[in-house]
Amino acid sequence: MDLMDKLKILSNAAKYDVSCSSSGSKRKNNINGIGNASESGICHSFTPDGRCISLLKILFSNDCIYDCKYCINGYSKDFQRVSFTPDEVCDLTINFYRRNYIEGLFLSSAIVRNPNYTMELLLKTVKKIRLEKNFNGYIHLKAIPGADEYLIKEAGLYVDRMSVNIELPSSNSLKLLAPQKSKEKILLPMKTIKNSIIIHTELKNSIKSTPTFVPGGQSTQLIVGATPESDYKILNLTQSLYDKFKLKRVYFSAYVPVVKDNPLLPQITHPPMVREHRLYQADWLLRFYGFKASELLKNENDNFDLNFDPKTYWALNNFNEFPVEINKASYEALL
C-alpha cells in the first residue's frame, strides 16, 4: 500500500485519543541533530473541540487483537487493516518536520499480536528517530498495558511524555466493554513510569550524566459517557490518579458513537461535549485551585450542572463561605 494511503487511515484512526500534551519537556538539540523540545512546549494549534494538531498523531497499526466494544479498531469490525514499519514512521516524522508541518510526534498503536510485540515495534521506532535520525523534537509515546517492564523503562529514555489510557472509569465497565483489558494491567505501567521518573530524577542530582526519563511526565485518558459512571466517580478517580501516580494530566474524551447498534453502548447522536468541558474545568480546580473532588461533588451519583461551571456550582452550594474579606482571607480561601 502507498505510504500516503497508510497515513490517511492511521492518522484518522488516532483522532479519538485526546491525551496529547506537548509541554513539560526540556530536551536540548545537539550539534548534528534537528529539532528541540523546551519546557514552554512546542507550537500548538487546536481544533474547536480542544485537540492538539501540531503533532504528527498516528497509530503504528490498527490491526488489533482486542475487541473493545466502543473502539473502531476492534478485531470484529470490518475495515482495512494496515501497519507502518519503523522506517516509515521515522521518514514521515522527519519529512513533515522539515516541511514545518509538525513540531513533534504522537505515536500510539492497536495491539498487534501481543503487547510485547507491539511495544517492541514502538521502541524500535523511537530509538531509530532519536539515534539514527538524530531528532531531538518532542515525542509522546503510548505505553502498552501488558508489555514487559523493561520495554517500558527503555522506551522512557527516548521520549518526552508517555501515557497509558485507562479509558473506562471502573473495573465493571472494563469487564463489560473491554474484557481483554484489566485495571491491574493498565495501572502497572503507570506505576513503572512514575517510579522510574523518581529514580532518574534523584540520580540526576548526584550523577549529571544520568539520562532523562520521560521529562514531560505521564498522562492518561478517560472516556466520558460510554458507561454510567457519574461525574463524582470520574472526578474521584482523577484525583486518585494524580495522588498515586503523579500524572501531569488526565484527559477527558466525550464518547463518540462510532460503533453503531451495540446494545451495550448508549444510543446517542452527539458526544457529550459540555459534560467533558465541565470535567476539564473541575480538573483545573483540582490541579491549580486546591479543591478536592469531595468538595465539588458530594454524592456518588452526582453530576455537574451543565448550566454552571463547577466553581460557580460550588459557590451556589456554599453560601456560608461568603462574603470573603479579601484583605484578611488566606491564600487558600481566596482561591
C-alpha atoms as a PDB file:
ATOM      1  CA  MET A   1       0.000   0.000   0.000  1.00  0.00           C
ATOM      2  CA  ASP A   2       1.133   3.544  -0.744  1.00  0.00           C
ATOM      3  CA  LEU A   3       2.595   5.329   2.297  1.00  0.00           C
ATOM      4  CA  MET A   4       0.181   8.273   1.998  1.00  0.00           C
ATOM      5  CA  ASP A   5      -2.776   5.870   1.975  1.00  0.00           C
ATOM      6  CA  LYS A   6      -1.460   4.295   5.174  1.00  0.00           C
ATOM      7  CA  LEU A   7      -1.052   7.734   6.680  1.00  0.00           C
ATOM      8  CA  LYS A   8      -4.630   8.669   5.849  1.00  0.00           C
ATOM      9  CA  ILE A   9      -6.004   5.532   7.512  1.00  0.00           C
ATOM     10  CA  LEU A  10      -3.782   5.509  10.607  1.00  0.00           C
ATOM     11  CA  SER A  11      -3.960   9.230  11.314  1.00  0.00           C
ATOM     12  CA  ASN A  12      -7.759   9.068  11.089  1.00  0.00           C
ATOM     13  CA  ALA A  13      -7.787   6.098  13.491  1.00  0.00           C
ATOM     14  CA  ALA A  14      -5.744   8.073  16.045  1.00  0.00           C
ATOM     15  CA  LYS A  15      -8.072  11.071  16.248  1.00  0.00           C
ATOM     16  CA  TYR A  16     -10.091   9.670  19.166  1.00  0.00           C
ATOM     17  CA  ASP A  17      -7.112   9.792  21.510  1.00  0.00           C
ATOM     18  CA  VAL A  18      -7.022  13.272  23.060  1.00  0.00           C
ATOM     19  CA  SER A  19      -4.213  12.813  25.593  1.00  0.00           C
ATOM     20  CA  CYS A  20      -1.550  14.622  23.607  1.00  0.00           C
ATOM     21  CA  SER A  21       0.004  17.465  25.523  1.00  0.00           C
ATOM     22  CA  SER A  22       3.335  18.709  24.246  1.00  0.00           C
ATOM     23  CA  SER A  23       4.612  20.769  27.145  1.00  0.00           C
ATOM     24  CA  GLY A  24       6.843  19.994  30.096  1.00  0.00           C
ATOM     25  CA  SER A  25       9.880  18.597  28.310  1.00  0.00           C
ATOM     26  CA  LYS A  26      13.320  20.167  28.056  1.00  0.00           C
ATOM     27  CA  ARG A  27      15.281  18.137  25.508  1.00  0.00           C
ATOM     28  CA  LYS A  28      18.211  20.069  24.038  1.00  0.00           C
ATOM     29  CA  ASN A  29      19.450  19.739  20.493  1.00  0.00           C
ATOM     30  CA  ASN A  30      22.968  18.586  19.704  1.00  0.00           C
ATOM     31  CA  ILE A  31      25.364  19.793  17.025  1.00  0.00           C
ATOM     32  CA  ASN A  32      24.220  17.450  14.270  1.00  0.00           C
ATOM     33  CA  GLY A  33      20.606  16.915  15.304  1.00  0.00           C
ATOM     34  CA  ILE A  34      17.377  18.545  14.206  1.00  0.00           C
ATOM     35  CA  GLY A  35      14.507  19.877  16.314  1.00  0.00           C
ATOM     36  CA  ASN A  36      14.271  20.511  20.015  1.00  0.00           C
ATOM     37  CA  ALA A  37      11.672  20.445  22.773  1.00  0.00           C
ATOM     38  CA  SER A  38      11.544  23.033  25.540  1.00  0.00           C
ATOM     39  CA  GLU A  39       9.629  23.450  28.788  1.00  0.00           C
ATOM     40  CA  SER A  40       7.398  26.049  27.218  1.00  0.00           C
ATOM     41  CA  GLY A  41       6.134  23.391  24.819  1.00  0.00           C
ATOM     42  CA  ILE A  42       6.040  23.217  21.060  1.00  0.00           C
ATOM     43  CA  CYS A  43       3.912  25.373  18.794  1.00  0.00           C
ATOM     44  CA  HIS A  44       0.270  24.411  19.256  1.00  0.00           C
ATOM     45  CA  SER A  45      -2.743  24.531  17.046  1.00  0.00           C
ATOM     46  CA  PHE A  46      -6.091  23.364  18.382  1.00  0.00           C
ATOM     47  CA  THR A  47      -9.283  22.188  16.765  1.00  0.00           C
ATOM     48  CA  PRO A  48     -12.560  23.660  18.088  1.00  0.00           C
ATOM     49  CA  ASP A  49     -13.036  20.689  20.463  1.00  0.00           C
ATOM     50  CA  GLY A  50      -9.596  21.182  22.021  1.00  0.00           C
ATOM     51  CA  ARG A  51      -7.490  18.585  20.262  1.00  0.00           C
ATOM     52  CA  CYS A  52      -3.867  19.391  19.562  1.00  0.00           C
ATOM     53  CA  ILE A  53      -2.969  19.224  15.870  1.00  0.00           C
ATOM     54  CA  SER A  54       0.642  20.368  15.928  1.00  0.00           C
ATOM     55  CA  LEU A  55       1.958  16.823  16.340  1.00  0.00           C
ATOM     56  CA  LEU A  56       2.055  14.061  13.759  1.00  0.00           C
ATOM     57  CA  LYS A  57      -0.604  11.999  15.524  1.00  0.00           C
ATOM     58  CA  ILE A  58      -0.803   8.433  14.222  1.00  0.00           C
ATOM     59  CA  LEU A  59      -1.331   4.826  15.132  1.00  0.00           C
ATOM     60  CA  PHE A  60       1.526   2.493  14.289  1.00  0.00           C
ATOM     61  CA  SER A  61      -1.113  -0.103  13.397  1.00  0.00           C
ATOM     62  CA  ASN A  62      -4.884  -0.558  13.533  1.00  0.00           C
ATOM     63  CA  ASP A  63      -4.609  -4.353  13.372  1.00  0.00           C
ATOM     64  CA  CYS A  64      -5.829  -5.100  16.904  1.00  0.00           C
ATOM     65  CA  ILE A  65      -6.193  -8.450  18.653  1.00  0.00           C
ATOM     66  CA  TYR A  66      -8.614  -6.880  21.186  1.00  0.00           C
ATOM     67  CA  ASP A  67     -12.296  -6.291  20.548  1.00  0.00           C
ATOM     68  CA  CYS A  68     -13.312  -3.394  22.791  1.00  0.00           C
ATOM     69  CA  LYS A  69     -16.986  -2.714  22.125  1.00  0.00           C
ATOM     70  CA  TYR A  70     -16.598   1.078  21.836  1.00  0.00           C
ATOM     71  CA  CYS A  71     -13.468   1.071  19.649  1.00  0.00           C
ATOM     72  CA  ILE A  72     -13.486   1.327  15.893  1.00  0.00           C
ATOM     73  CA  ASN A  73     -10.278  -0.771  15.693  1.00  0.00           C
ATOM     74  CA  GLY A  74     -11.674  -3.898  17.388  1.00  0.00           C
ATOM     75  CA  TYR A  75     -10.931  -7.146  15.548  1.00  0.00           C
ATOM     76  CA  SER A  76     -14.623  -7.851  14.845  1.00  0.00           C
ATOM     77  CA  LYS A  77     -15.008  -4.558  12.918  1.00  0.00           C
ATOM     78  CA  ASP A  78     -14.935  -4.780   9.143  1.00  0.00           C
ATOM     79  CA  PHE A  79     -12.392  -2.337   7.694  1.00  0.00           C
ATOM     80  CA  GLN A  80      -8.936  -2.290   6.135  1.00  0.00           C
ATOM     81  CA  ARG A  81      -6.071  -3.275   8.459  1.00  0.00           C
ATOM     82  CA  VAL A  82      -2.721  -1.591   7.892  1.00  0.00           C
ATOM     83  CA  SER A  83       0.545  -1.083   9.751  1.00  0.00           C
ATOM     84  CA  PHE A  84       3.550   1.177   9.379  1.00  0.00           C
ATOM     85  CA  THR A  85       7.116  -0.013   9.623  1.00  0.00           C
ATOM     86  CA  PRO A  86       9.535   1.759  11.995  1.00  0.00           C
ATOM     87  CA  ASP A  87      11.360   3.213   8.960  1.00  0.00           C
ATOM     88  CA  GLU A  88       8.130   4.628   7.539  1.00  0.00           C
ATOM     89  CA  VAL A  89       7.242   6.403  10.795  1.00  0.00           C
ATOM     90  CA  CYS A  90      10.778   7.810  11.005  1.00  0.00           C
ATOM     91  CA  ASP A  91      10.700   9.096   7.434  1.00  0.00           C
ATOM     92  CA  LEU A  92       7.253  10.663   7.847  1.00  0.00           C
ATOM     93  CA  THR A  93       8.263  12.414  11.065  1.00  0.00           C
ATOM     94  CA  ILE A  94      11.491  13.871   9.685  1.00  0.00           C
ATOM     95  CA  ASN A  95       9.998  14.886   6.333  1.00  0.00           C
ATOM     96  CA  PHE A  96       6.976  16.535   7.924  1.00  0.00           C
ATOM     97  CA  TYR A  97       9.200  18.321  10.428  1.00  0.00           C
ATOM     98  CA  ARG A  98      11.467  19.675   7.710  1.00  0.00           C
ATOM     99  CA  ARG A  99       8.414  20.975   5.851  1.00  0.00           C
ATOM    100  CA  ASN A 100       7.313  22.755   9.047  1.00  0.00           C
ATOM    101  CA  TYR A 101       4.057  20.758   9.108  1.00  0.00           C
ATOM    102  CA  ILE A 102       4.676  19.460  12.630  1.00  0.00           C
ATOM    103  CA  GLU A 103       6.812  20.039  15.691  1.00  0.00           C
ATOM    104  CA  GLY A 104       6.761  16.521  17.110  1.00  0.00           C
ATOM    105  CA  LEU A 105       5.288  13.019  17.105  1.00  0.00           C
ATOM    106  CA  PHE A 106       2.399  11.412  18.974  1.00  0.00           C
ATOM    107  CA  LEU A 107       2.660   7.649  18.457  1.00  0.00           C
ATOM    108  CA  SER A 108       0.174   5.059  19.637  1.00  0.00           C
ATOM    109  CA  SER A 109      -0.918   1.675  18.336  1.00  0.00           C
ATOM    110  CA  ALA A 110      -3.521  -1.022  18.418  1.00  0.00           C
ATOM    111  CA  ILE A 111      -2.315  -4.276  19.995  1.00  0.00           C
ATOM    112  CA  VAL A 112      -0.609  -6.254  17.232  1.00  0.00           C
ATOM    113  CA  ARG A 113      -0.124  -9.976  18.002  1.00  0.00           C
ATOM    114  CA  ASN A 114       0.529  -9.316  21.694  1.00  0.00           C
ATOM    115  CA  PRO A 115       1.507  -6.405  23.983  1.00  0.00           C
ATOM    116  CA  ASN A 116       5.244  -7.203  23.959  1.00  0.00           C
ATOM    117  CA  TYR A 117       5.431  -7.415  20.172  1.00  0.00           C
ATOM    118  CA  THR A 118       3.641  -4.073  19.848  1.00  0.00           C
ATOM    119  CA  MET A 119       5.807  -2.349  22.468  1.00  0.00           C
ATOM    120  CA  GLU A 120       8.963  -3.691  20.795  1.00  0.00           C
ATOM    121  CA  LEU A 121       7.885  -2.123  17.481  1.00  0.00           C
ATOM    122  CA  LEU A 122       7.170   1.225  19.153  1.00  0.00           C
ATOM    123  CA  LEU A 123      10.500   1.102  20.995  1.00  0.00           C
ATOM    124  CA  LYS A 124      12.379   0.291  17.778  1.00  0.00           C
ATOM    125  CA  THR A 125      10.679   3.266  16.104  1.00  0.00           C
ATOM    126  CA  VAL A 126      11.536   5.895  18.735  1.00  0.00           C
ATOM    127  CA  LYS A 127      15.113   4.610  19.007  1.00  0.00           C
ATOM    128  CA  LYS A 128      15.539   4.990  15.250  1.00  0.00           C
ATOM    129  CA  ILE A 129      14.166   8.526  15.332  1.00  0.00           C
ATOM    130  CA  ARG A 130      16.474   9.552  18.169  1.00  0.00           C
ATOM    131  CA  LEU A 131      19.658   7.610  17.394  1.00  0.00           C
ATOM    132  CA  GLU A 132      19.667   7.257  13.598  1.00  0.00           C
ATOM    133  CA  LYS A 133      17.719  10.347  12.528  1.00  0.00           C
ATOM    134  CA  ASN A 134      19.158  12.476  15.345  1.00  0.00           C
ATOM    135  CA  PHE A 135      15.748  14.008  16.022  1.00  0.00           C
ATOM    136  CA  ASN A 136      15.528  15.974  19.262  1.00  0.00           C
ATOM    137  CA  GLY A 137      11.974  17.251  18.902  1.00  0.00           C
ATOM    138  CA  TYR A 138       9.016  16.269  21.024  1.00  0.00           C
ATOM    139  CA  ILE A 139       7.841  12.629  21.144  1.00  0.00           C
ATOM    140  CA  HIS A 140       4.799  11.361  23.029  1.00  0.00           C
ATOM    141  CA  LEU A 141       4.565   7.553  23.142  1.00  0.00           C
ATOM    142  CA  LYS A 142       1.831   5.255  24.353  1.00  0.00           C
ATOM    143  CA  ALA A 143       2.939   2.585  26.802  1.00  0.00           C
ATOM    144  CA  ILE A 144       1.208  -0.703  26.054  1.00  0.00           C
ATOM    145  CA  PRO A 145      -0.516  -2.354  29.062  1.00  0.00           C
ATOM    146  CA  GLY A 146       0.694  -5.918  29.494  1.00  0.00           C
ATOM    147  CA  ALA A 147       4.133  -5.281  27.952  1.00  0.00           C
ATOM    148  CA  ASP A 148       7.214  -6.250  29.958  1.00  0.00           C
ATOM    149  CA  GLU A 149       8.505  -3.646  32.387  1.00  0.00           C
ATOM    150  CA  TYR A 150      11.956  -3.489  30.792  1.00  0.00           C
ATOM    151  CA  LEU A 151      10.417  -2.388  27.462  1.00  0.00           C
ATOM    152  CA  ILE A 152       8.526   0.440  29.171  1.00  0.00           C
ATOM    153  CA  LYS A 153      11.674   1.531  31.011  1.00  0.00           C
ATOM    154  CA  GLU A 154      13.823   1.556  27.888  1.00  0.00           C
ATOM    155  CA  ALA A 155      11.227   3.431  25.844  1.00  0.00           C
ATOM    156  CA  GLY A 156      11.069   6.120  28.533  1.00  0.00           C
ATOM    157  CA  LEU A 157      14.697   7.037  27.839  1.00  0.00           C
ATOM    158  CA  TYR A 158      13.869   8.173  24.294  1.00  0.00           C
ATOM    159  CA  VAL A 159      10.570  10.031  24.663  1.00  0.00           C
ATOM    160  CA  ASP A 160       9.339  13.201  26.310  1.00  0.00           C
ATOM    161  CA  ARG A 161       5.977  12.012  27.545  1.00  0.00           C
ATOM    162  CA  MET A 162       4.282   8.636  27.948  1.00  0.00           C
ATOM    163  CA  SER A 163       0.659   7.817  28.542  1.00  0.00           C
ATOM    164  CA  VAL A 164      -1.372   4.752  29.428  1.00  0.00           C
ATOM    165  CA  ASN A 165      -5.056   5.175  28.643  1.00  0.00           C
ATOM    166  CA  ILE A 166      -7.463   3.934  31.310  1.00  0.00           C
ATOM    167  CA  GLU A 167     -10.406   4.851  29.063  1.00  0.00           C
ATOM    168  CA  LEU A 168     -13.216   3.310  31.139  1.00  0.00           C
ATOM    169  CA  PRO A 169     -13.635   4.648  34.693  1.00  0.00           C
ATOM    170  CA  SER A 170     -14.338   1.385  36.544  1.00  0.00           C
ATOM    171  CA  SER A 171     -13.413  -2.300  36.598  1.00  0.00           C
ATOM    172  CA  ASN A 172     -17.040  -3.260  35.906  1.00  0.00           C
ATOM    173  CA  SER A 173     -17.106  -1.139  32.761  1.00  0.00           C
ATOM    174  CA  LEU A 174     -13.833  -2.676  31.580  1.00  0.00           C
ATOM    175  CA  LYS A 175     -15.271  -6.171  32.032  1.00  0.00           C
ATOM    176  CA  LEU A 176     -18.381  -5.184  30.111  1.00  0.00           C
ATOM    177  CA  LEU A 177     -16.906  -3.262  27.171  1.00  0.00           C
ATOM    178  CA  ALA A 178     -13.214  -4.228  27.114  1.00  0.00           C
ATOM    179  CA  PRO A 179     -12.990  -7.723  28.646  1.00  0.00           C
ATOM    180  CA  GLN A 180      -9.438  -8.318  27.360  1.00  0.00           C
ATOM    181  CA  LYS A 181      -8.166  -5.386  29.405  1.00  0.00           C
ATOM    182  CA  SER A 182      -7.844  -5.192  33.185  1.00  0.00           C
ATOM    183  CA  LYS A 183      -7.340  -2.476  35.760  1.00  0.00           C
ATOM    184  CA  GLU A 184      -4.197  -4.190  37.044  1.00  0.00           C
ATOM    185  CA  LYS A 185      -2.513  -4.356  33.614  1.00  0.00           C
ATOM    186  CA  ILE A 186      -3.298  -0.689  32.973  1.00  0.00           C
ATOM    187  CA  LEU A 187      -2.049   0.588  36.336  1.00  0.00           C
ATOM    188  CA  LEU A 188       1.185  -1.451  36.357  1.00  0.00           C
ATOM    189  CA  PRO A 189       2.957   0.519  33.564  1.00  0.00           C
ATOM    190  CA  MET A 190       1.738   3.763  35.153  1.00  0.00           C
ATOM    191  CA  LYS A 191       3.456   2.719  38.375  1.00  0.00           C
ATOM    192  CA  THR A 192       6.604   1.721  36.451  1.00  0.00           C
ATOM    193  CA  ILE A 193       6.766   5.112  34.730  1.00  0.00           C
ATOM    194  CA  LYS A 194       6.188   7.011  37.990  1.00  0.00           C
ATOM    195  CA  ASN A 195       8.896   5.093  39.870  1.00  0.00           C
ATOM    196  CA  SER A 196      11.374   5.386  37.000  1.00  0.00           C
ATOM    197  CA  ILE A 197      10.856   9.161  36.808  1.00  0.00           C
ATOM    198  CA  ILE A 198      11.588   9.444  40.538  1.00  0.00           C
ATOM    199  CA  ILE A 199      14.700   7.235  40.321  1.00  0.00           C
ATOM    200  CA  HIS A 200      16.178   9.086  37.324  1.00  0.00           C
ATOM    201  CA  THR A 201      15.438  12.476  38.859  1.00  0.00           C
ATOM    202  CA  GLU A 202      17.195  11.537  42.114  1.00  0.00           C
ATOM    203  CA  LEU A 203      20.167  10.056  40.260  1.00  0.00           C
ATOM    204  CA  LYS A 204      20.475  13.181  38.124  1.00  0.00           C
ATOM    205  CA  ASN A 205      21.016  15.244  41.286  1.00  0.00           C
ATOM    206  CA  SER A 206      24.221  13.339  42.051  1.00  0.00           C
ATOM    207  CA  ILE A 207      25.252  11.999  38.620  1.00  0.00           C
ATOM    208  CA  LYS A 208      24.815  14.682  35.975  1.00  0.00           C
ATOM    209  CA  SER A 209      25.272  12.241  33.089  1.00  0.00           C
ATOM    210  CA  THR A 210      22.125  10.319  34.089  1.00  0.00           C
ATOM    211  CA  PRO A 211      19.788  10.276  31.064  1.00  0.00           C
ATOM    212  CA  THR A 212      16.386  11.916  31.341  1.00  0.00           C
ATOM    213  CA  PHE A 213      13.363   9.662  31.688  1.00  0.00           C
ATOM    214  CA  VAL A 214      10.010  10.896  30.366  1.00  0.00           C
ATOM    215  CA  PRO A 215      10.815  14.539  31.283  1.00  0.00           C
ATOM    216  CA  GLY A 216       7.303  15.674  30.311  1.00  0.00           C
ATOM    217  CA  GLY A 217       5.689  13.215  32.723  1.00  0.00           C
ATOM    218  CA  GLN A 218       2.804  10.864  32.010  1.00  0.00           C
ATOM    219  CA  SER A 219      -0.872  11.310  31.252  1.00  0.00           C
ATOM    220  CA  THR A 220      -3.999   9.246  30.666  1.00  0.00           C
ATOM    221  CA  GLN A 221      -7.437   9.458  29.056  1.00  0.00           C
ATOM    222  CA  LEU A 222     -10.914   8.710  30.395  1.00  0.00           C
ATOM    223  CA  ILE A 223     -13.911   8.260  28.095  1.00  0.00           C
ATOM    224  CA  VAL A 224     -16.959  10.176  29.313  1.00  0.00           C
ATOM    225  CA  GLY A 225     -20.461   8.925  28.583  1.00  0.00           C
ATOM    226  CA  ALA A 226     -19.830   5.425  27.236  1.00  0.00           C
ATOM    227  CA  THR A 227     -20.672   3.912  30.634  1.00  0.00           C
ATOM    228  CA  PRO A 228     -22.962   5.002  33.501  1.00  0.00           C
ATOM    229  CA  GLU A 229     -20.298   6.297  35.923  1.00  0.00           C
ATOM    230  CA  SER A 230     -21.182   9.683  37.384  1.00  0.00           C
ATOM    231  CA  ASP A 231     -19.002  12.793  37.346  1.00  0.00           C
ATOM    232  CA  TYR A 232     -18.423  12.153  41.061  1.00  0.00           C
ATOM    233  CA  LYS A 233     -16.803   8.776  40.313  1.00  0.00           C
ATOM    234  CA  ILE A 234     -14.803  10.115  37.365  1.00  0.00           C
ATOM    235  CA  LEU A 235     -13.500  13.095  39.353  1.00  0.00           C
ATOM    236  CA  ASN A 236     -12.557  10.970  42.381  1.00  0.00           C
ATOM    237  CA  LEU A 237     -10.689   8.577  40.086  1.00  0.00           C
ATOM    238  CA  THR A 238      -8.943  11.589  38.548  1.00  0.00           C
ATOM    239  CA  GLN A 239      -7.802  12.863  41.944  1.00  0.00           C
ATOM    240  CA  SER A 240      -6.607   9.376  42.916  1.00  0.00           C
ATOM    241  CA  LEU A 241      -4.523   9.145  39.724  1.00  0.00           C
ATOM    242  CA  TYR A 242      -2.872  12.498  40.459  1.00  0.00           C
ATOM    243  CA  ASP A 243      -2.138  11.475  44.049  1.00  0.00           C
ATOM    244  CA  LYS A 244      -0.888   7.928  43.394  1.00  0.00           C
ATOM    245  CA  PHE A 245       0.876   8.238  40.046  1.00  0.00           C
ATOM    246  CA  LYS A 246       1.833  11.934  39.915  1.00  0.00           C
ATOM    247  CA  LEU A 247       0.246  12.318  36.475  1.00  0.00           C
ATOM    248  CA  LYS A 248       0.720  15.581  34.624  1.00  0.00           C
ATOM    249  CA  ARG A 249      -2.728  15.469  33.081  1.00  0.00           C
ATOM    250  CA  VAL A 250      -5.888  13.417  32.996  1.00  0.00           C
ATOM    251  CA  TYR A 251      -7.686  13.980  29.695  1.00  0.00           C
ATOM    252  CA  PHE A 252     -11.416  13.510  29.208  1.00  0.00           C
ATOM    253  CA  SER A 253     -12.862  12.370  25.902  1.00  0.00           C
ATOM    254  CA  ALA A 254     -16.597  12.661  25.239  1.00  0.00           C
ATOM    255  CA  TYR A 255     -17.832   9.322  23.954  1.00  0.00           C
ATOM    256  CA  VAL A 256     -18.124   9.340  20.169  1.00  0.00           C
ATOM    257  CA  PRO A 257     -20.670   6.777  18.898  1.00  0.00           C
ATOM    258  CA  VAL A 258     -18.529   5.347  16.117  1.00  0.00           C
ATOM    259  CA  VAL A 259     -19.813   1.794  16.686  1.00  0.00           C
ATOM    260  CA  LYS A 260     -23.477   1.506  15.777  1.00  0.00           C
ATOM    261  CA  ASP A 261     -26.237  -0.815  17.035  1.00  0.00           C
ATOM    262  CA  ASN A 262     -24.458  -2.303  20.036  1.00  0.00           C
ATOM    263  CA  PRO A 263     -26.920  -2.783  22.938  1.00  0.00           C
ATOM    264  CA  LEU A 264     -24.105  -2.342  25.474  1.00  0.00           C
ATOM    265  CA  LEU A 265     -23.381   1.205  24.275  1.00  0.00           C
ATOM    266  CA  PRO A 266     -25.504   4.330  24.784  1.00  0.00           C
ATOM    267  CA  GLN A 267     -27.640   5.291  21.809  1.00  0.00           C
ATOM    268  CA  ILE A 268     -26.735   8.947  21.356  1.00  0.00           C
ATOM    269  CA  THR A 269     -26.360  11.130  18.291  1.00  0.00           C
ATOM    270  CA  HIS A 270     -23.862  13.673  19.640  1.00  0.00           C
ATOM    271  CA  PRO A 271     -20.892  13.315  22.021  1.00  0.00           C
ATOM    272  CA  PRO A 272     -21.498  14.871  25.500  1.00  0.00           C
ATOM    273  CA  MET A 273     -19.100  17.749  24.868  1.00  0.00           C
ATOM    274  CA  VAL A 274     -20.486  20.088  27.554  1.00  0.00           C
ATOM    275  CA  ARG A 275     -20.073  17.382  30.180  1.00  0.00           C
ATOM    276  CA  GLU A 276     -16.483  16.842  29.006  1.00  0.00           C
ATOM    277  CA  HIS A 277     -15.912  20.597  29.324  1.00  0.00           C
ATOM    278  CA  ARG A 278     -17.271  20.675  32.888  1.00  0.00           C
ATOM    279  CA  LEU A 279     -14.895  17.869  33.874  1.00  0.00           C
ATOM    280  CA  TYR A 280     -11.949  19.776  32.411  1.00  0.00           C
ATOM    281  CA  GLN A 281     -12.971  22.825  34.451  1.00  0.00           C
ATOM    282  CA  ALA A 282     -13.201  20.689  37.591  1.00  0.00           C
ATOM    283  CA  ASP A 283      -9.825  19.119  36.804  1.00  0.00           C
ATOM    284  CA  TRP A 284      -8.340  22.641  36.690  1.00  0.00           C
ATOM    285  CA  LEU A 285      -9.787  23.302  40.157  1.00  0.00           C
ATOM    286  CA  LEU A 286      -8.114  20.127  41.453  1.00  0.00           C
ATOM    287  CA  ARG A 287      -4.724  20.911  39.941  1.00  0.00           C
ATOM    288  CA  PHE A 288      -4.429  24.661  40.490  1.00  0.00           C
ATOM    289  CA  TYR A 289      -7.025  25.855  42.982  1.00  0.00           C
ATOM    290  CA  GLY A 290      -6.539  23.339  45.783  1.00  0.00           C
ATOM    291  CA  PHE A 291     -10.028  21.831  45.630  1.00  0.00           C
ATOM    292  CA  LYS A 292     -10.702  18.189  46.462  1.00  0.00           C
ATOM    293  CA  ALA A 293     -13.106  16.062  44.439  1.00  0.00           C
ATOM    294  CA  SER A 294     -15.302  15.602  47.529  1.00  0.00           C
ATOM    295  CA  GLU A 295     -15.749  19.390  47.791  1.00  0.00           C
ATOM    296  CA  LEU A 296     -17.026  19.750  44.240  1.00  0.00           C
ATOM    297  CA  LEU A 297     -19.470  16.831  44.260  1.00  0.00           C
ATOM    298  CA  LYS A 298     -20.877  15.207  47.406  1.00  0.00           C
ATOM    299  CA  ASN A 299     -22.742  12.038  46.434  1.00  0.00           C
ATOM    300  CA  GLU A 300     -21.824   9.008  44.337  1.00  0.00           C
ATOM    301  CA  ASN A 301     -24.414   9.679  41.649  1.00  0.00           C
ATOM    302  CA  ASP A 302     -23.809  13.428  41.346  1.00  0.00           C
ATOM    303  CA  ASN A 303     -23.076  15.069  38.004  1.00  0.00           C
ATOM    304  CA  PHE A 304     -22.118  18.671  37.348  1.00  0.00           C
ATOM    305  CA  ASP A 305     -24.844  21.076  36.354  1.00  0.00           C
ATOM    306  CA  LEU A 306     -24.359  21.698  32.638  1.00  0.00           C
ATOM    307  CA  ASN A 307     -25.625  25.269  33.057  1.00  0.00           C
ATOM    308  CA  PHE A 308     -22.957  26.348  35.559  1.00  0.00           C
ATOM    309  CA  ASP A 309     -19.204  25.913  35.655  1.00  0.00           C
ATOM    310  CA  PRO A 310     -18.005  23.835  38.661  1.00  0.00           C
ATOM    311  CA  LYS A 311     -16.661  26.821  40.614  1.00  0.00           C
ATOM    312  CA  THR A 312     -19.962  28.690  40.312  1.00  0.00           C
ATOM    313  CA  TYR A 313     -21.785  25.456  41.204  1.00  0.00           C
ATOM    314  CA  TRP A 314     -19.614  25.130  44.326  1.00  0.00           C
ATOM    315  CA  ALA A 315     -20.255  28.769  45.299  1.00  0.00           C
ATOM    316  CA  LEU A 316     -24.026  28.355  44.967  1.00  0.00           C
ATOM    317  CA  ASN A 317     -23.861  25.363  47.309  1.00  0.00           C
ATOM    318  CA  ASN A 318     -21.573  27.057  49.855  1.00  0.00           C
ATOM    319  CA  PHE A 319     -23.166  30.405  50.689  1.00  0.00           C
ATOM    320  CA  ASN A 320     -21.787  30.061  54.211  1.00  0.00           C
ATOM    321  CA  GLU A 321     -18.296  30.735  52.828  1.00  0.00           C
ATOM    322  CA  PHE A 322     -19.282  34.245  51.704  1.00  0.00           C
ATOM    323  CA  PRO A 323     -18.660  37.131  51.849  1.00  0.00           C
ATOM    324  CA  VAL A 324     -14.855  36.949  51.943  1.00  0.00           C
ATOM    325  CA  GLU A 325     -12.811  39.847  53.317  1.00  0.00           C
ATOM    326  CA  ILE A 326     -10.028  39.903  50.725  1.00  0.00           C
ATOM    327  CA  ASN A 327      -7.629  41.873  52.934  1.00  0.00           C
ATOM    328  CA  LYS A 328      -7.764  39.247  55.674  1.00  0.00           C
ATOM    329  CA  ALA A 329      -8.587  35.977  53.891  1.00  0.00           C
ATOM    330  CA  SER A 330      -5.994  33.247  53.476  1.00  0.00           C
ATOM    331  CA  TYR A 331      -4.486  32.398  50.103  1.00  0.00           C
ATOM    332  CA  GLU A 332      -6.484  29.146  50.050  1.00  0.00           C
ATOM    333  CA  ALA A 333      -9.753  30.953  50.788  1.00  0.00           C
ATOM    334  CA  LEU A 334      -9.121  33.448  48.015  1.00  0.00           C
ATOM    335  CA  LEU A 335      -8.532  30.620  45.543  1.00  0.00           C
END
